[in-house]
């Protein structure tokens, strides 16, 4: 049996996280719930490959009379929208209960649930899942973003100890001309 391509399966209570992260709350208040959802999804799309997590974000139907549906954004990130009568908490608890008996479904030995809901944390821990708070997840996402940005940023050439070396080439040329007495 080969090892999975990811280290853990992260199950995220979407609206719980939106209600906890200040930047998502601000996005929700200014631009609406859809914008906050998209921002959360984008954050986790960038985060998941950095930590090798397979991530599923779960959103309540939010008073919409629609059937449940699943949307895959990347091979590592998907979103599940519950049906009208089902809450994200119920879906997450059922998912954890079924994965306890069938590790094939998540292809990982670790199942992590991100939520601040204390009752839900107690229930899913009983099924063997790990829990992290929304604040801890936010810190991990921000840390991975900083790490990714520092890797993408080109290394700056050391300007040396003289100010002249820090100037752009046009300014250096002009300074040489002035030094040589040329207009």
Protein backbone atom coordinates (compact mmCIF):
# COMPACT_ATOMS: atom_id res chain seq x y z
CA UNK A 1 0.00 0.00 0.00
CA UNK A 2 1.48 3.34 -1.02
CA UNK A 3 1.51 6.38 1.25
CA UNK A 4 -0.92 9.21 0.54
CA UNK A 5 0.20 12.33 -1.31
CA UNK A 6 -0.73 14.41 1.70
CA UNK A 7 -0.02 14.27 5.42
CA UNK A 8 -3.47 15.00 6.84
CA UNK A 9 -7.06 15.63 5.89
CA UNK A 10 -8.19 19.07 7.08
CA UNK A 11 -11.94 19.57 7.49
CA UNK A 12 -12.87 23.25 7.90
CA UNK A 13 -16.14 24.59 9.32
CA UNK A 14 -16.38 27.44 6.81
CA UNK A 15 -18.82 29.87 8.41
CA UNK A 16 -17.28 29.29 11.83
CA UNK A 17 -13.91 30.38 10.43
CA UNK A 18 -15.44 33.35 8.58
CA UNK A 19 -17.00 34.48 11.86
CA UNK A 20 -13.65 34.19 13.65
CA UNK A 21 -11.06 35.71 11.31
CA UNK A 22 -11.19 39.51 11.42
CA UNK A 23 -10.22 39.95 7.75
CA UNK A 24 -12.98 37.55 6.69
CA UNK A 25 -15.50 39.31 8.94
CA UNK A 26 -14.53 42.62 7.35
CA UNK A 27 -14.84 41.14 3.85
CA UNK A 28 -18.25 39.70 4.74
CA UNK A 29 -19.47 43.00 6.17
CA UNK A 30 -18.20 45.12 3.26
CA UNK A 31 -18.72 42.87 0.25
CA UNK A 32 -21.03 40.07 1.38
CA UNK A 33 -20.83 36.44 2.36
CA UNK A 34 -19.80 35.26 -1.10
CA UNK A 35 -16.66 37.44 -1.01
CA UNK A 36 -15.71 36.11 2.43
CA UNK A 37 -16.20 32.52 1.22
CA UNK A 38 -14.01 33.12 -1.81
CA UNK A 39 -11.30 34.73 0.33
CA UNK A 40 -11.30 31.75 2.71
CA UNK A 41 -11.16 29.29 -0.19
CA UNK A 42 -8.29 31.18 -1.81
CA UNK A 43 -6.38 31.27 1.49
CA UNK A 44 -6.72 27.52 1.91
CA UNK A 45 -5.83 26.85 -1.74
CA UNK A 46 -2.50 28.59 -1.06
CA UNK A 47 -2.05 26.96 2.36
CA UNK A 48 -2.85 23.31 1.66
CA UNK A 49 0.05 22.49 -0.69
CA UNK A 50 2.51 24.22 1.64
CA UNK A 51 1.64 21.83 4.48
CA UNK A 52 0.62 18.83 2.33
CA UNK A 53 -2.99 18.76 3.57
CA UNK A 54 -6.03 17.59 1.65
CA UNK A 55 -8.61 20.21 2.64
CA UNK A 56 -12.39 20.22 2.53
CA UNK A 57 -14.27 23.36 3.51
CA UNK A 58 -17.86 22.80 4.64
CA UNK A 59 -20.53 25.50 4.36
CA UNK A 60 -24.09 25.32 5.66
CA UNK A 61 -26.87 25.70 3.12
CA UNK A 62 -27.41 29.06 4.85
CA UNK A 63 -31.17 29.05 4.45
CA UNK A 64 -30.96 28.17 0.78
CA UNK A 65 -33.36 25.48 -0.36
CA UNK A 66 -30.75 23.74 -2.47
CA UNK A 67 -29.49 20.16 -2.49
CA UNK A 68 -26.03 19.47 -1.17
CA UNK A 69 -23.22 19.72 -3.66
CA UNK A 70 -19.49 19.27 -3.84
CA UNK A 71 -17.03 21.44 -5.76
CA UNK A 72 -13.37 20.64 -6.28
CA UNK A 73 -11.15 23.69 -6.71
CA UNK A 74 -7.76 21.94 -6.86
CA UNK A 75 -6.65 18.34 -6.28
CA UNK A 76 -6.04 19.31 -2.63
CA UNK A 77 -8.96 21.68 -1.92
CA UNK A 78 -12.68 21.08 -2.24
CA UNK A 79 -15.84 22.66 -0.88
CA UNK A 80 -18.96 20.89 0.32
CA UNK A 81 -22.23 22.81 0.58
CA UNK A 82 -24.75 21.03 2.81
CA UNK A 83 -28.38 20.54 1.89
CA UNK A 84 -31.11 22.73 3.36
CA UNK A 85 -31.79 20.76 6.54
CA UNK A 86 -28.17 19.79 7.25
CA UNK A 87 -25.71 21.89 9.24
CA UNK A 88 -21.96 21.94 8.68
CA UNK A 89 -21.58 20.56 12.22
CA UNK A 90 -23.74 17.55 11.38
CA UNK A 91 -21.86 16.85 8.15
CA UNK A 92 -18.45 17.16 9.88
CA UNK A 93 -19.51 14.86 12.72
CA UNK A 94 -20.85 12.24 10.27
CA UNK A 95 -17.69 12.52 8.20
CA UNK A 96 -15.50 11.97 11.27
CA UNK A 97 -17.62 9.02 12.41
CA UNK A 98 -17.42 7.33 9.00
CA UNK A 99 -13.69 8.00 8.60
CA UNK A 100 -12.98 6.33 11.95
CA UNK A 101 -14.17 3.06 10.48
CA UNK A 102 -12.84 3.63 6.96
CA UNK A 103 -9.44 5.29 6.55
CA UNK A 104 -9.82 4.74 2.79
CA UNK A 105 -12.19 7.71 2.53
CA UNK A 106 -9.61 10.26 3.66
CA UNK A 107 -6.42 8.33 2.71
CA UNK A 108 -4.61 9.63 5.77
CA UNK A 109 -4.03 8.63 9.36
CA UNK A 110 -4.71 12.19 10.52
CA UNK A 111 -8.03 13.96 10.37
CA UNK A 112 -7.97 17.56 11.59
CA UNK A 113 -11.11 19.65 12.17
CA UNK A 114 -10.79 23.45 12.24
CA UNK A 115 -13.55 25.05 14.31
CA UNK A 116 -14.13 27.09 17.44
CA UNK A 117 -17.36 25.24 18.27
CA UNK A 118 -16.59 23.59 21.61
CA UNK A 119 -19.34 20.98 21.41
CA UNK A 120 -18.26 19.96 17.94
CA UNK A 121 -14.63 19.71 19.05
CA UNK A 122 -15.62 17.31 21.83
CA UNK A 123 -17.68 15.11 19.50
CA UNK A 124 -15.10 14.85 16.69
CA UNK A 125 -12.28 14.24 19.15
CA UNK A 126 -14.31 11.25 20.33
CA UNK A 127 -14.11 9.91 16.78
CA UNK A 128 -10.33 10.26 16.79
CA UNK A 129 -10.00 13.56 14.92
CA UNK A 130 -7.63 16.30 15.97
CA UNK A 131 -8.98 19.82 16.43
CA UNK A 132 -7.46 23.22 15.87
CA UNK A 133 -8.98 26.58 16.65
CA UNK A 134 -9.69 29.13 13.97
CA UNK A 135 -7.01 31.41 15.47
CA UNK A 136 -4.41 28.67 15.26
CA UNK A 137 -5.38 27.92 11.66
CA UNK A 138 -5.18 31.65 10.86
CA UNK A 139 -1.67 31.77 12.34
CA UNK A 140 -0.58 28.73 10.33
CA UNK A 141 -2.05 30.14 7.11
CA UNK A 142 -0.32 33.49 7.65
CA UNK A 143 2.97 31.77 8.48
CA UNK A 144 2.82 29.71 5.30
CA UNK A 145 1.97 32.85 3.29
CA UNK A 146 5.05 34.62 4.69
CA UNK A 147 7.18 31.59 3.89
CA UNK A 148 5.81 31.38 0.34
CA UNK A 149 6.35 35.11 -0.25
CA UNK A 150 9.94 34.95 0.98
CA UNK A 151 10.65 32.04 -1.40
CA UNK A 152 9.11 33.93 -4.32
CA UNK A 153 10.98 37.14 -3.60
CA UNK A 154 14.23 37.38 -5.59
CA UNK A 155 17.36 37.69 -3.53
CA UNK A 156 18.63 41.26 -3.55
CA UNK A 157 22.17 41.85 -4.72
CA UNK A 158 24.27 43.30 -1.93
CA UNK A 159 24.96 46.94 -2.76
CA UNK A 160 28.34 46.85 -1.06
CA UNK A 161 29.41 49.38 1.50
CA UNK A 162 29.19 52.46 -0.72
CA UNK A 163 26.00 54.42 -1.34
CA UNK A 164 26.96 54.71 -5.01
CA UNK A 165 26.36 50.97 -5.48
CA UNK A 166 22.78 51.27 -4.22
CA UNK A 167 21.86 53.80 -6.94
CA UNK A 168 20.17 52.76 -10.15
CA UNK A 169 22.38 52.65 -13.28
CA UNK A 170 21.09 55.97 -14.69
CA UNK A 171 21.88 57.81 -11.44
CA UNK A 172 25.32 56.15 -11.33
CA UNK A 173 26.04 57.32 -14.89
CA UNK A 174 24.94 60.88 -14.10
CA UNK A 175 27.07 60.94 -10.94
CA UNK A 176 30.15 59.76 -12.91
CA UNK A 177 29.54 62.55 -15.43
CA UNK A 178 29.32 65.17 -12.68
CA UNK A 179 32.51 63.85 -11.09
CA UNK A 180 34.33 64.15 -14.40
CA UNK A 181 33.04 67.69 -14.88
CA UNK A 182 30.76 66.85 -17.80
CA UNK A 183 27.37 68.58 -17.98
